[in-house]
């Protein structure tokens, strides 16, 4: 299953899931979305692409060429935001494809990081047609604009099999 339905109050929102479906045994690079209930801990937005979401989540503006996320399991900054340039494996939060125009950081493997258990598990904008993600949950830009103001630190995103 590489597609799902995100239930948010009365709404049912189509979403893309990982290219390998879902898993209870998440591993770095496996392409699967973890089966878990995750808190939303922060929201990043790309200025000039979508309006800054009004939300009670801590919010940061993505700085092109500066903001990244470490996905190297052996590095001390694994599954943490990093400042670019960064020597270890990472991804830029300023993507050209607009997927991270608005991105909510989920608490997967954040509090007690386990090396290799997965990094950068986000709720972000989907590509047209909802192709699979690398392990995140992705929704249409219009749905993100509608949902983002309702996201808070109390929000939980549950992924089921």
N, C-alpha and C. Protein backbone atom coordinates (compact mmCIF):
# COMPACT_ATOMS: atom_id res chain seq x y z
N UNK A 1 0.84 -1.17 0.00
CA UNK A 1 0.00 0.00 0.00
C UNK A 1 0.89 1.24 0.00
N UNK A 2 0.83 2.02 -1.06
CA UNK A 2 1.65 3.22 -1.17
C UNK A 2 0.80 4.48 -1.17
N UNK A 3 -0.50 4.29 -0.94
CA UNK A 3 -1.41 5.41 -0.80
C UNK A 3 -2.27 5.16 0.42
N UNK A 4 -2.75 6.24 1.00
CA UNK A 4 -3.59 6.11 2.17
C UNK A 4 -4.61 7.23 2.24
N UNK A 5 -5.32 7.27 3.33
CA UNK A 5 -6.28 8.33 3.61
C UNK A 5 -5.89 8.93 4.96
N UNK A 6 -5.66 10.22 4.96
CA UNK A 6 -5.37 10.93 6.19
C UNK A 6 -6.70 11.44 6.72
N UNK A 7 -7.09 10.99 7.91
CA UNK A 7 -8.34 11.41 8.54
C UNK A 7 -8.02 12.54 9.50
N UNK A 8 -8.65 13.68 9.29
CA UNK A 8 -8.45 14.86 10.13
C UNK A 8 -9.82 15.44 10.45
N UNK A 9 -10.31 15.11 11.63
CA UNK A 9 -11.66 15.55 11.99
C UNK A 9 -12.65 15.03 10.95
N UNK A 10 -13.43 15.91 10.35
CA UNK A 10 -14.42 15.46 9.37
C UNK A 10 -13.84 15.19 7.98
N UNK A 11 -12.58 15.54 7.77
CA UNK A 11 -11.98 15.42 6.44
C UNK A 11 -11.35 14.06 6.22
N UNK A 12 -11.39 13.61 5.00
CA UNK A 12 -10.67 12.42 4.55
C UNK A 12 -9.82 12.89 3.37
N UNK A 13 -8.50 12.88 3.56
CA UNK A 13 -7.57 13.48 2.61
C UNK A 13 -6.70 12.38 2.01
N UNK A 14 -6.68 12.26 0.67
CA UNK A 14 -5.78 11.27 0.06
C UNK A 14 -4.33 11.62 0.36
N UNK A 15 -3.50 10.60 0.54
CA UNK A 15 -2.09 10.86 0.81
C UNK A 15 -1.22 9.78 0.16
N UNK A 16 0.02 10.15 -0.08
CA UNK A 16 1.03 9.22 -0.58
C UNK A 16 1.82 8.70 0.61
N UNK A 17 2.20 7.45 0.54
CA UNK A 17 3.03 6.81 1.57
C UNK A 17 4.32 6.33 0.90
N UNK A 18 5.16 5.66 1.65
CA UNK A 18 6.46 5.20 1.15
C UNK A 18 6.36 4.23 -0.01
N UNK A 19 7.38 4.24 -0.86
CA UNK A 19 7.41 3.37 -2.05
C UNK A 19 7.39 1.89 -1.68
N UNK A 20 7.81 1.57 -0.45
CA UNK A 20 7.77 0.18 0.02
C UNK A 20 6.57 -0.06 0.93
N UNK A 21 5.61 0.85 0.91
CA UNK A 21 4.42 0.70 1.74
C UNK A 21 4.69 1.12 3.17
N UNK A 22 4.14 0.36 4.12
CA UNK A 22 4.32 0.67 5.53
C UNK A 22 5.05 -0.48 6.22
N UNK A 23 5.68 -0.18 7.35
CA UNK A 23 6.43 -1.21 8.07
C UNK A 23 6.45 -0.94 9.56
N UNK A 24 6.52 -2.00 10.33
CA UNK A 24 6.72 -1.87 11.78
C UNK A 24 8.21 -1.96 12.11
N UNK A 25 9.03 -2.31 11.13
CA UNK A 25 10.48 -2.44 11.32
C UNK A 25 11.22 -1.44 10.44
N UNK A 26 10.99 -0.15 10.66
CA UNK A 26 11.58 0.91 9.85
C UNK A 26 13.10 0.88 9.91
N UNK A 27 13.72 1.01 8.74
CA UNK A 27 15.18 1.08 8.60
C UNK A 27 15.52 2.23 7.67
N UNK A 28 16.65 2.86 7.90
CA UNK A 28 17.09 3.97 7.05
C UNK A 28 17.18 3.52 5.60
N UNK A 29 16.55 4.27 4.71
CA UNK A 29 16.64 4.01 3.29
C UNK A 29 15.74 2.92 2.76
N UNK A 30 14.87 2.33 3.60
CA UNK A 30 14.02 1.22 3.13
C UNK A 30 12.82 1.68 2.30
N UNK A 31 12.54 2.98 2.27
CA UNK A 31 11.44 3.49 1.46
C UNK A 31 10.07 3.23 2.05
N UNK A 32 10.00 2.83 3.31
CA UNK A 32 8.72 2.52 3.95
C UNK A 32 8.34 3.61 4.95
N UNK A 33 7.03 3.79 5.10
CA UNK A 33 6.49 4.70 6.10
C UNK A 33 6.30 3.91 7.39
N UNK A 34 6.79 4.42 8.52
CA UNK A 34 6.65 3.66 9.76
C UNK A 34 5.20 3.58 10.24
N UNK A 35 4.81 2.39 10.67
CA UNK A 35 3.52 2.19 11.32
C UNK A 35 3.71 2.67 12.75
N UNK A 36 3.07 3.79 13.07
CA UNK A 36 3.27 4.41 14.38
C UNK A 36 2.29 5.55 14.56
N UNK A 37 2.16 6.00 15.79
CA UNK A 37 1.46 7.24 16.08
C UNK A 37 2.53 8.26 16.44
N UNK A 38 2.57 9.34 15.66
CA UNK A 38 3.66 10.31 15.78
C UNK A 38 3.10 11.70 16.09
N UNK A 39 3.81 12.42 16.94
CA UNK A 39 3.48 13.81 17.22
C UNK A 39 4.06 14.69 16.12
N UNK A 40 3.47 15.84 15.92
CA UNK A 40 4.04 16.87 15.05
C UNK A 40 4.82 17.81 15.95
N UNK A 41 6.10 18.00 15.66
CA UNK A 41 6.95 18.77 16.57
C UNK A 41 7.33 20.15 16.04
N UNK A 42 7.30 20.33 14.73
CA UNK A 42 7.68 21.62 14.15
C UNK A 42 7.18 21.69 12.72
N UNK A 43 7.13 22.89 12.21
CA UNK A 43 6.72 23.10 10.83
C UNK A 43 7.75 24.01 10.15
N UNK A 44 8.20 23.60 8.99
CA UNK A 44 9.11 24.40 8.18
C UNK A 44 8.35 24.86 6.94
N UNK A 45 8.62 26.06 6.48
CA UNK A 45 7.96 26.52 5.25
C UNK A 45 8.96 27.25 4.38
N UNK A 46 8.74 27.18 3.10
CA UNK A 46 9.61 27.81 2.12
C UNK A 46 8.98 29.12 1.70
N UNK A 47 9.55 30.22 2.11
CA UNK A 47 9.02 31.54 1.78
C UNK A 47 8.91 31.74 0.28
N UNK A 48 7.86 32.43 -0.15
CA UNK A 48 7.67 32.75 -1.56
C UNK A 48 7.01 31.64 -2.36
N UNK A 49 6.78 30.48 -1.75
CA UNK A 49 6.18 29.36 -2.47
C UNK A 49 4.72 29.16 -2.07
N UNK A 50 4.50 29.08 -0.78
CA UNK A 50 3.14 28.97 -0.22
C UNK A 50 3.09 29.97 0.93
N UNK A 51 1.89 30.46 1.24
CA UNK A 51 1.81 31.38 2.38
C UNK A 51 2.28 30.69 3.67
N UNK A 52 2.87 31.49 4.56
CA UNK A 52 3.30 30.94 5.85
C UNK A 52 2.07 30.45 6.59
N UNK A 53 2.04 29.17 6.93
CA UNK A 53 0.87 28.64 7.63
C UNK A 53 0.72 29.25 9.02
N UNK A 54 -0.49 29.57 9.35
CA UNK A 54 -0.80 30.02 10.71
C UNK A 54 -1.06 28.77 11.53
N UNK A 55 -0.19 28.46 12.45
CA UNK A 55 -0.26 27.24 13.23
C UNK A 55 0.35 27.50 14.60
N UNK A 56 -0.01 26.68 15.56
CA UNK A 56 0.61 26.81 16.88
C UNK A 56 1.88 25.96 16.99
N UNK A 57 2.22 25.23 15.92
CA UNK A 57 3.49 24.50 15.92
C UNK A 57 4.65 25.49 15.85
N UNK A 58 5.77 25.18 16.48
CA UNK A 58 6.95 26.01 16.25
C UNK A 58 7.25 26.03 14.75
N UNK A 59 7.45 27.20 14.19
CA UNK A 59 7.59 27.34 12.74
C UNK A 59 8.91 28.02 12.39
N UNK A 60 9.54 27.47 11.37
CA UNK A 60 10.80 28.06 10.86
C UNK A 60 10.70 28.21 9.35
N UNK A 61 11.31 29.23 8.85
CA UNK A 61 11.40 29.44 7.41
C UNK A 61 12.64 28.71 6.89
N UNK A 62 12.46 27.94 5.83
CA UNK A 62 13.58 27.24 5.20
C UNK A 62 14.48 28.27 4.52
N UNK A 63 15.78 28.16 4.79
CA UNK A 63 16.75 29.05 4.15
C UNK A 63 17.52 28.26 3.10
N UNK A 64 17.28 28.57 1.81
CA UNK A 64 17.98 27.84 0.75
C UNK A 64 19.50 27.91 0.92
N UNK A 65 20.13 26.76 0.73
CA UNK A 65 21.58 26.67 0.85
C UNK A 65 22.08 26.61 2.29
N UNK A 66 21.17 26.68 3.24
CA UNK A 66 21.57 26.69 4.65
C UNK A 66 20.93 25.54 5.44
N UNK A 67 19.65 25.27 5.20
CA UNK A 67 18.93 24.29 6.01
C UNK A 67 18.90 22.92 5.36
N UNK A 68 19.33 21.92 6.13
CA UNK A 68 19.32 20.54 5.67
C UNK A 68 18.91 19.62 6.81
N UNK A 69 18.88 18.31 6.51
CA UNK A 69 18.51 17.29 7.51
C UNK A 69 19.47 16.12 7.34
N UNK A 70 20.15 15.73 8.41
CA UNK A 70 21.13 14.66 8.36
C UNK A 70 20.45 13.29 8.31
N UNK A 71 20.84 12.47 7.32
CA UNK A 71 20.31 11.11 7.22
C UNK A 71 21.41 10.05 7.27
N UNK A 72 22.55 10.44 7.83
CA UNK A 72 23.69 9.52 7.97
C UNK A 72 23.66 8.89 9.36
N UNK A 73 23.29 7.58 9.44
CA UNK A 73 23.12 6.94 10.74
C UNK A 73 24.34 6.98 11.66
N UNK A 74 25.55 7.06 11.10
CA UNK A 74 26.74 7.04 11.95
C UNK A 74 27.14 8.43 12.45
N UNK A 75 26.47 9.47 11.99
CA UNK A 75 26.83 10.84 12.38
C UNK A 75 26.10 11.26 13.65
N UNK A 76 26.75 12.08 14.46
CA UNK A 76 26.16 12.56 15.72
C UNK A 76 24.89 13.38 15.47
N UNK A 77 24.75 13.98 14.30
CA UNK A 77 23.57 14.80 13.98
C UNK A 77 22.48 14.00 13.26
N UNK A 78 22.59 12.68 13.28
CA UNK A 78 21.60 11.84 12.61
C UNK A 78 20.17 12.23 13.01
N UNK A 79 19.33 12.35 12.01
CA UNK A 79 17.91 12.68 12.17
C UNK A 79 17.71 14.01 12.91
N UNK A 80 18.53 14.98 12.53
CA UNK A 80 18.45 16.32 13.09
C UNK A 80 18.61 17.34 11.96
N UNK A 81 18.06 18.54 12.15
CA UNK A 81 18.35 19.59 11.17
C UNK A 81 19.83 19.96 11.26
N UNK A 82 20.40 20.29 10.11
CA UNK A 82 21.81 20.67 10.05
C UNK A 82 21.97 21.90 9.17
N UNK A 83 23.09 22.56 9.35
CA UNK A 83 23.41 23.74 8.54
C UNK A 83 24.28 23.29 7.37
N UNK A 84 23.91 23.72 6.18
CA UNK A 84 24.67 23.40 4.97
C UNK A 84 25.73 24.47 4.74
N UNK A 85 26.85 24.12 4.11
CA UNK A 85 27.20 22.78 3.63
C UNK A 85 27.48 21.84 4.79
N UNK A 86 27.22 20.56 4.54
CA UNK A 86 27.35 19.52 5.56
C UNK A 86 28.01 18.32 4.92
N UNK A 87 29.08 17.83 5.52
CA UNK A 87 29.88 16.79 4.88
C UNK A 87 29.20 15.42 4.85
N UNK A 88 28.45 15.08 5.88
CA UNK A 88 27.81 13.75 5.93
C UNK A 88 26.56 13.74 5.05
N UNK A 89 26.02 12.55 4.82
CA UNK A 89 24.82 12.40 4.00
C UNK A 89 23.67 13.21 4.61
N UNK A 90 22.95 13.93 3.74
CA UNK A 90 21.88 14.80 4.20
C UNK A 90 20.96 15.10 3.03
N UNK A 91 19.85 15.74 3.33
CA UNK A 91 19.02 16.28 2.26
C UNK A 91 18.79 17.75 2.55
N UNK A 92 18.62 18.51 1.48
CA UNK A 92 18.33 19.93 1.60
C UNK A 92 16.84 20.11 1.87
N UNK A 93 16.50 21.03 2.75
CA UNK A 93 15.09 21.34 2.99
C UNK A 93 14.55 22.33 1.96
N UNK A 94 15.44 22.90 1.16
CA UNK A 94 15.03 23.82 0.09
C UNK A 94 15.02 23.06 -1.24
N UNK A 95 14.03 22.22 -1.42
CA UNK A 95 13.95 21.38 -2.62
C UNK A 95 13.40 22.18 -3.79
N UNK A 96 13.90 21.88 -4.98
CA UNK A 96 13.39 22.53 -6.18
C UNK A 96 12.00 22.04 -6.56
N UNK A 97 11.66 20.80 -6.17
CA UNK A 97 10.40 20.20 -6.61
C UNK A 97 9.19 20.60 -5.77
N UNK A 98 9.33 21.47 -4.81
CA UNK A 98 8.25 22.04 -4.01
C UNK A 98 7.67 21.10 -2.95
N UNK A 99 8.21 19.89 -2.81
CA UNK A 99 7.68 18.95 -1.82
C UNK A 99 7.79 19.49 -0.39
N UNK A 100 8.82 20.26 -0.13
CA UNK A 100 9.02 20.80 1.21
C UNK A 100 8.63 22.27 1.30
N UNK A 101 7.72 22.72 0.46
CA UNK A 101 7.25 24.10 0.60
C UNK A 101 6.63 24.30 1.98
N UNK A 102 5.92 23.29 2.46
CA UNK A 102 5.45 23.22 3.85
C UNK A 102 5.73 21.79 4.30
N UNK A 103 6.44 21.65 5.41
CA UNK A 103 6.78 20.32 5.90
C UNK A 103 6.65 20.30 7.43
N UNK A 104 5.88 19.33 7.91
CA UNK A 104 5.74 19.15 9.36
C UNK A 104 6.66 18.00 9.77
N UNK A 105 7.50 18.26 10.74
CA UNK A 105 8.43 17.25 11.25
C UNK A 105 7.67 16.35 12.22
N UNK A 106 7.70 15.05 11.94
CA UNK A 106 7.07 14.07 12.82
C UNK A 106 8.12 13.57 13.81
N UNK A 107 7.68 13.12 14.98
CA UNK A 107 8.65 12.76 16.01
C UNK A 107 9.22 11.35 15.86
N UNK A 108 9.14 10.77 14.67
CA UNK A 108 9.72 9.44 14.46
C UNK A 108 11.22 9.46 14.73
N UNK A 109 11.66 8.64 15.66
CA UNK A 109 13.08 8.44 15.95
C UNK A 109 13.80 9.74 16.35
N UNK A 110 13.08 10.64 16.99
CA UNK A 110 13.70 11.91 17.40
C UNK A 110 14.15 11.91 18.86
N UNK A 111 13.26 11.58 19.77
CA UNK A 111 13.58 11.70 21.19
C UNK A 111 14.73 10.78 21.59
N UNK A 112 14.63 9.52 21.24
CA UNK A 112 15.71 8.56 21.50
C UNK A 112 16.12 7.98 20.17
N UNK A 113 17.04 8.67 19.54
CA UNK A 113 17.45 8.24 18.20
C UNK A 113 18.14 6.89 18.24
N UNK A 114 17.66 6.01 17.40
CA UNK A 114 18.31 4.71 17.21
C UNK A 114 18.95 4.75 15.82
N UNK A 115 20.24 4.57 15.79
CA UNK A 115 20.98 4.62 14.51
C UNK A 115 20.37 3.66 13.51
N UNK A 116 20.05 4.19 12.32
CA UNK A 116 19.55 3.36 11.24
C UNK A 116 18.06 3.06 11.29
N UNK A 117 17.33 3.64 12.25
CA UNK A 117 15.88 3.36 12.37
C UNK A 117 15.02 4.34 11.59
N UNK A 118 15.64 5.17 10.77
CA UNK A 118 14.89 6.07 9.91
C UNK A 118 15.01 7.51 10.32
N UNK A 119 15.10 8.37 9.31
CA UNK A 119 15.24 9.80 9.55
C UNK A 119 14.37 10.58 8.58
N UNK A 120 14.17 11.83 8.90
CA UNK A 120 13.43 12.75 8.04
C UNK A 120 12.04 12.22 7.68
N UNK A 121 11.31 11.75 8.67
CA UNK A 121 9.94 11.29 8.44
C UNK A 121 9.04 12.51 8.65
N UNK A 122 8.49 12.99 7.55
CA UNK A 122 7.76 14.26 7.53
C UNK A 122 6.34 14.07 6.98
N UNK A 123 5.49 15.05 7.26
CA UNK A 123 4.24 15.26 6.54
C UNK A 123 4.54 16.42 5.62
N UNK A 124 4.47 16.19 4.30
CA UNK A 124 4.84 17.24 3.36
C UNK A 124 3.91 17.25 2.16
N UNK A 125 4.21 18.12 1.22
CA UNK A 125 3.40 18.28 0.01
C UNK A 125 3.68 17.13 -0.95
N UNK A 126 2.62 16.62 -1.57
CA UNK A 126 2.74 15.50 -2.52
C UNK A 126 2.97 16.02 -3.94
N UNK A 127 3.60 15.18 -4.73
CA UNK A 127 3.70 15.44 -6.17
C UNK A 127 2.34 15.17 -6.80
N UNK A 128 2.04 15.77 -7.95
CA UNK A 128 0.77 15.47 -8.61
C UNK A 128 0.62 13.98 -8.87
N UNK A 129 -0.57 13.45 -8.61
CA UNK A 129 -0.83 12.03 -8.82
C UNK A 129 -0.46 11.16 -7.63
N UNK A 130 0.10 11.75 -6.57
CA UNK A 130 0.46 11.03 -5.35
C UNK A 130 1.42 9.86 -5.57
N UNK A 131 2.53 10.06 -6.28
CA UNK A 131 3.49 8.95 -6.36
C UNK A 131 4.07 8.69 -4.97
N UNK A 132 4.62 7.50 -4.75
CA UNK A 132 5.15 7.16 -3.42
C UNK A 132 6.26 8.10 -2.96
N UNK A 133 6.42 8.17 -1.66
CA UNK A 133 7.48 8.96 -1.04
C UNK A 133 8.65 8.04 -0.67
N UNK A 134 9.65 8.62 -0.03
CA UNK A 134 10.78 7.83 0.47
C UNK A 134 10.51 7.28 1.88
N UNK A 135 9.30 7.53 2.39
CA UNK A 135 8.93 7.06 3.73
C UNK A 135 8.06 8.04 4.49
N UNK A 136 7.82 9.18 3.89
CA UNK A 136 7.00 10.22 4.51
C UNK A 136 5.52 10.02 4.18
N UNK A 137 4.69 10.93 4.69
CA UNK A 137 3.28 11.03 4.34
C UNK A 137 3.15 12.35 3.59
N UNK A 138 2.52 12.33 2.41
CA UNK A 138 2.44 13.54 1.59
C UNK A 138 1.00 13.78 1.12
N UNK A 139 0.60 15.04 1.17
CA UNK A 139 -0.75 15.43 0.76
C UNK A 139 -0.68 16.56 -0.27
N UNK A 140 -1.76 16.77 -1.00
CA UNK A 140 -1.82 17.80 -2.04
C UNK A 140 -1.59 19.18 -1.43
N UNK A 141 -1.02 20.10 -2.22
CA UNK A 141 -0.79 21.46 -1.71
C UNK A 141 -2.06 22.12 -1.15
N UNK A 142 -3.19 21.97 -1.83
CA UNK A 142 -4.43 22.58 -1.35
C UNK A 142 -4.84 21.97 -0.01
N UNK A 143 -4.64 20.67 0.16
CA UNK A 143 -4.97 20.03 1.44
C UNK A 143 -4.02 20.50 2.53
N UNK A 144 -2.75 20.71 2.19
CA UNK A 144 -1.79 21.21 3.18
C UNK A 144 -2.18 22.62 3.62
N UNK A 145 -2.59 23.47 2.68
CA UNK A 145 -3.02 24.83 3.04
C UNK A 145 -4.23 24.78 3.97
N UNK A 146 -5.13 23.85 3.73
CA UNK A 146 -6.35 23.72 4.54
C UNK A 146 -6.05 23.09 5.91
N UNK A 147 -5.14 22.15 5.95
CA UNK A 147 -4.85 21.41 7.17
C UNK A 147 -3.86 22.13 8.10
N UNK A 148 -2.86 22.78 7.54
CA UNK A 148 -1.77 23.37 8.34
C UNK A 148 -2.25 24.27 9.48
N UNK A 149 -3.25 25.12 9.28
CA UNK A 149 -3.68 25.96 10.41
C UNK A 149 -4.27 25.17 11.57
N UNK A 150 -4.64 23.94 11.35
CA UNK A 150 -5.23 23.11 12.39
C UNK A 150 -4.22 22.20 13.09
N UNK A 151 -2.97 22.24 12.64
CA UNK A 151 -1.92 21.42 13.24
C UNK A 151 -1.40 22.09 14.50
N UNK A 152 -1.13 21.29 15.51
CA UNK A 152 -0.62 21.81 16.78
C UNK A 152 0.27 20.76 17.43
N UNK A 153 0.94 21.13 18.51
CA UNK A 153 1.73 20.13 19.24
C UNK A 153 0.88 18.97 19.78
N UNK A 154 -0.42 19.17 19.88
CA UNK A 154 -1.31 18.10 20.36
C UNK A 154 -1.73 17.15 19.22
N UNK A 155 -1.44 17.51 17.99
CA UNK A 155 -1.82 16.69 16.83
C UNK A 155 -1.02 15.39 16.83
N UNK A 156 -1.70 14.32 16.48
CA UNK A 156 -1.05 13.01 16.31
C UNK A 156 -1.36 12.50 14.92
N UNK A 157 -0.35 11.98 14.26
CA UNK A 157 -0.53 11.36 12.95
C UNK A 157 -0.31 9.86 13.15
N UNK A 158 -1.33 9.08 12.90
CA UNK A 158 -1.24 7.63 13.09
C UNK A 158 -1.20 6.95 11.74
N UNK A 159 -0.21 6.12 11.52
CA UNK A 159 -0.10 5.32 10.31
C UNK A 159 -0.40 3.88 10.71
N UNK A 160 -1.40 3.31 10.02
CA UNK A 160 -1.81 1.93 10.30
C UNK A 160 -1.44 1.06 9.10
N UNK A 161 -1.41 -0.22 9.32
CA UNK A 161 -1.19 -1.18 8.23
C UNK A 161 -2.42 -1.27 7.38
